N, C-alpha and C. Protein backbone atom coordinates (compact mmCIF):
# COMPACT_ATOMS: atom_id res chain seq x y z
N UNK A 1 75.94 113.81 94.45
CA UNK A 1 76.04 115.16 94.98
C UNK A 1 77.22 115.86 94.31
N UNK A 2 77.05 117.11 93.99
CA UNK A 2 78.10 117.88 93.33
C UNK A 2 79.20 118.24 94.34
N UNK A 3 80.35 118.63 93.82
CA UNK A 3 81.44 119.08 94.69
C UNK A 3 80.98 120.26 95.54
N UNK A 4 80.27 121.19 94.91
CA UNK A 4 79.78 122.36 95.65
C UNK A 4 78.86 121.93 96.79
N UNK A 5 77.99 120.98 96.52
CA UNK A 5 77.07 120.48 97.54
C UNK A 5 77.80 119.78 98.67
N UNK A 6 78.80 118.97 98.31
CA UNK A 6 79.59 118.28 99.33
C UNK A 6 80.34 119.27 100.21
N UNK A 7 80.97 120.26 99.57
CA UNK A 7 81.70 121.27 100.34
C UNK A 7 80.76 122.06 101.25
N UNK A 8 79.59 122.40 100.74
CA UNK A 8 78.65 123.18 101.54
C UNK A 8 78.22 122.40 102.78
N UNK A 9 77.99 121.10 102.62
CA UNK A 9 77.60 120.26 103.75
C UNK A 9 78.71 120.25 104.81
N UNK A 10 79.95 120.08 104.37
CA UNK A 10 81.08 120.06 105.29
C UNK A 10 81.26 121.42 105.96
N UNK A 11 81.15 122.49 105.17
CA UNK A 11 81.31 123.84 105.73
C UNK A 11 80.22 124.12 106.76
N UNK A 12 78.99 123.75 106.45
CA UNK A 12 77.89 123.95 107.41
C UNK A 12 78.19 123.25 108.73
N UNK A 13 78.70 122.03 108.64
CA UNK A 13 79.01 121.26 109.85
C UNK A 13 80.14 121.92 110.65
N UNK A 14 81.19 122.36 109.96
CA UNK A 14 82.31 123.00 110.64
C UNK A 14 81.89 124.30 111.32
N UNK A 15 81.11 125.11 110.61
CA UNK A 15 80.65 126.38 111.17
C UNK A 15 79.75 126.12 112.38
N UNK A 16 78.86 125.14 112.26
CA UNK A 16 77.95 124.86 113.38
C UNK A 16 78.70 124.35 114.61
N UNK A 17 79.86 123.74 114.40
CA UNK A 17 80.68 123.26 115.52
C UNK A 17 81.64 124.32 116.03
N UNK A 18 81.64 125.49 115.39
CA UNK A 18 82.49 126.58 115.83
C UNK A 18 83.97 126.41 115.50
N UNK A 19 84.26 125.64 114.44
CA UNK A 19 85.65 125.42 114.03
C UNK A 19 86.15 126.70 113.35
N UNK A 20 87.26 127.28 113.84
CA UNK A 20 87.79 128.49 113.20
C UNK A 20 88.24 128.23 111.76
N UNK A 21 88.12 129.24 110.93
CA UNK A 21 88.50 129.13 109.52
C UNK A 21 89.93 128.65 109.37
N UNK A 22 90.86 129.21 110.13
CA UNK A 22 92.27 128.84 110.01
C UNK A 22 92.49 127.36 110.34
N UNK A 23 91.81 126.85 111.33
CA UNK A 23 91.92 125.43 111.69
C UNK A 23 91.40 124.56 110.56
N UNK A 24 90.24 124.92 110.01
CA UNK A 24 89.65 124.16 108.91
C UNK A 24 90.54 124.20 107.68
N UNK A 25 91.09 125.37 107.36
CA UNK A 25 91.95 125.52 106.19
C UNK A 25 93.21 124.67 106.32
N UNK A 26 93.84 124.71 107.47
CA UNK A 26 95.07 123.94 107.68
C UNK A 26 94.80 122.44 107.57
N UNK A 27 93.71 121.99 108.18
CA UNK A 27 93.40 120.55 108.13
C UNK A 27 93.05 120.12 106.71
N UNK A 28 92.31 120.95 105.99
CA UNK A 28 91.98 120.64 104.60
C UNK A 28 93.26 120.52 103.77
N UNK A 29 94.14 121.52 103.91
CA UNK A 29 95.38 121.52 103.13
C UNK A 29 96.24 120.31 103.48
N UNK A 30 96.33 119.99 104.76
CA UNK A 30 97.11 118.83 105.20
C UNK A 30 96.59 117.55 104.55
N UNK A 31 95.30 117.32 104.64
CA UNK A 31 94.72 116.10 104.08
C UNK A 31 94.82 116.07 102.55
N UNK A 32 94.67 117.21 101.91
CA UNK A 32 94.76 117.30 100.45
C UNK A 32 96.16 116.93 99.98
N UNK A 33 97.17 117.49 100.66
CA UNK A 33 98.56 117.22 100.30
C UNK A 33 98.90 115.76 100.56
N UNK A 34 98.53 115.24 101.72
CA UNK A 34 98.82 113.84 102.05
C UNK A 34 98.17 112.91 101.03
N UNK A 35 96.94 113.19 100.65
CA UNK A 35 96.24 112.35 99.68
C UNK A 35 96.95 112.38 98.33
N UNK A 36 97.36 113.56 97.87
CA UNK A 36 98.05 113.67 96.58
C UNK A 36 99.36 112.91 96.59
N UNK A 37 100.15 113.05 97.65
CA UNK A 37 101.44 112.36 97.74
C UNK A 37 101.23 110.86 97.86
N UNK A 38 100.24 110.45 98.63
CA UNK A 38 99.95 109.03 98.80
C UNK A 38 99.54 108.41 97.47
N UNK A 39 98.66 109.09 96.73
CA UNK A 39 98.22 108.57 95.43
C UNK A 39 99.35 108.50 94.42
N UNK A 40 100.36 109.36 94.60
CA UNK A 40 101.53 109.36 93.71
C UNK A 40 102.62 108.42 94.23
N UNK A 41 102.28 107.59 95.20
CA UNK A 41 103.22 106.62 95.80
C UNK A 41 104.50 107.30 96.28
N UNK A 42 104.36 108.49 96.81
CA UNK A 42 105.51 109.21 97.35
C UNK A 42 106.31 109.98 96.32
N UNK A 43 105.92 109.93 95.06
CA UNK A 43 106.63 110.65 94.00
C UNK A 43 106.24 112.13 94.07
N UNK A 44 107.17 112.93 94.59
CA UNK A 44 106.87 114.35 94.81
C UNK A 44 106.60 115.11 93.52
N UNK A 45 107.30 114.76 92.45
CA UNK A 45 107.06 115.43 91.17
C UNK A 45 105.65 115.17 90.67
N UNK A 46 105.22 113.91 90.72
CA UNK A 46 103.88 113.55 90.27
C UNK A 46 102.82 114.18 91.17
N UNK A 47 103.06 114.15 92.47
CA UNK A 47 102.11 114.75 93.41
C UNK A 47 101.99 116.25 93.16
N UNK A 48 103.11 116.91 92.96
CA UNK A 48 103.09 118.35 92.71
C UNK A 48 102.32 118.67 91.44
N UNK A 49 102.53 117.88 90.38
CA UNK A 49 101.79 118.10 89.13
C UNK A 49 100.29 117.95 89.36
N UNK A 50 99.89 116.93 90.13
CA UNK A 50 98.46 116.72 90.38
C UNK A 50 97.85 117.86 91.19
N UNK A 51 98.68 118.52 92.00
CA UNK A 51 98.22 119.65 92.80
C UNK A 51 98.31 120.98 92.04
N UNK A 52 99.00 120.95 90.89
CA UNK A 52 99.16 122.17 90.11
C UNK A 52 100.17 123.14 90.71
N UNK A 53 101.16 122.59 91.44
CA UNK A 53 102.20 123.42 92.04
C UNK A 53 103.57 122.86 91.70
N UNK A 54 104.61 123.65 91.92
CA UNK A 54 105.97 123.21 91.67
C UNK A 54 106.41 122.24 92.78
N UNK A 55 107.29 121.33 92.44
CA UNK A 55 107.80 120.34 93.40
C UNK A 55 108.40 121.03 94.64
N UNK A 56 109.12 122.12 94.44
CA UNK A 56 109.71 122.84 95.58
C UNK A 56 108.63 123.45 96.47
N UNK A 57 107.55 123.91 95.87
CA UNK A 57 106.43 124.44 96.64
C UNK A 57 105.80 123.33 97.47
N UNK A 58 105.67 122.14 96.88
CA UNK A 58 105.12 121.00 97.62
C UNK A 58 106.01 120.67 98.81
N UNK A 59 107.30 120.60 98.59
CA UNK A 59 108.23 120.30 99.70
C UNK A 59 108.13 121.36 100.80
N UNK A 60 107.99 122.62 100.42
CA UNK A 60 107.84 123.68 101.41
C UNK A 60 106.54 123.51 102.20
N UNK A 61 105.46 123.13 101.50
CA UNK A 61 104.18 122.90 102.17
C UNK A 61 104.28 121.74 103.15
N UNK A 62 104.95 120.67 102.73
CA UNK A 62 105.12 119.50 103.59
C UNK A 62 105.88 119.90 104.85
N UNK A 63 106.89 120.71 104.69
CA UNK A 63 107.67 121.19 105.83
C UNK A 63 106.81 122.10 106.72
N UNK A 64 106.10 123.03 106.10
CA UNK A 64 105.26 123.97 106.84
C UNK A 64 104.15 123.24 107.61
N UNK A 65 103.59 122.21 106.99
CA UNK A 65 102.52 121.43 107.63
C UNK A 65 103.06 120.41 108.61
N UNK A 66 104.38 120.33 108.70
CA UNK A 66 105.06 119.40 109.61
C UNK A 66 104.68 117.95 109.36
N UNK A 67 104.60 117.61 108.08
CA UNK A 67 104.31 116.22 107.71
C UNK A 67 105.63 115.47 107.74
N UNK A 68 105.63 114.32 108.40
CA UNK A 68 106.87 113.57 108.57
C UNK A 68 106.71 112.16 108.05
N UNK A 69 107.84 111.53 107.84
CA UNK A 69 107.85 110.14 107.41
C UNK A 69 107.51 110.00 105.95
N UNK A 70 107.68 108.80 105.45
CA UNK A 70 107.38 108.56 104.03
C UNK A 70 105.88 108.64 103.78
N UNK A 71 105.53 109.36 102.74
CA UNK A 71 104.13 109.46 102.34
C UNK A 71 103.99 108.62 101.08
N UNK A 72 103.51 107.41 101.25
CA UNK A 72 103.40 106.50 100.11
C UNK A 72 101.98 105.97 100.03
N UNK A 73 101.68 105.42 98.86
CA UNK A 73 100.34 104.88 98.61
C UNK A 73 100.03 103.77 99.59
N UNK A 74 98.86 103.86 100.19
CA UNK A 74 98.40 102.81 101.10
C UNK A 74 97.74 101.72 100.28
N UNK A 75 98.03 100.47 100.63
CA UNK A 75 97.37 99.35 99.97
C UNK A 75 96.01 99.14 100.61
N UNK A 76 95.02 99.03 99.79
CA UNK A 76 93.65 98.83 100.29
C UNK A 76 93.21 97.41 99.97
N UNK A 77 93.97 96.43 100.40
CA UNK A 77 93.65 95.03 100.10
C UNK A 77 92.78 94.44 101.17
């Protein structure tokens, strides 16, 4: 399935459940940022590069999203 198809499926589900756009946007951004930082093993510079934003912007987003604690790569053993 293409990215567009995957997104459309998720959007259809959210809309049908009556999830407000702002709630969906915040949760998407939160998960996207956490995933990038986790994949970068907590390296904010690397995570910011993968997101296409400046490291300071990433730190501001983390603060704005109220993400706490170390965000490091999870071992999937």
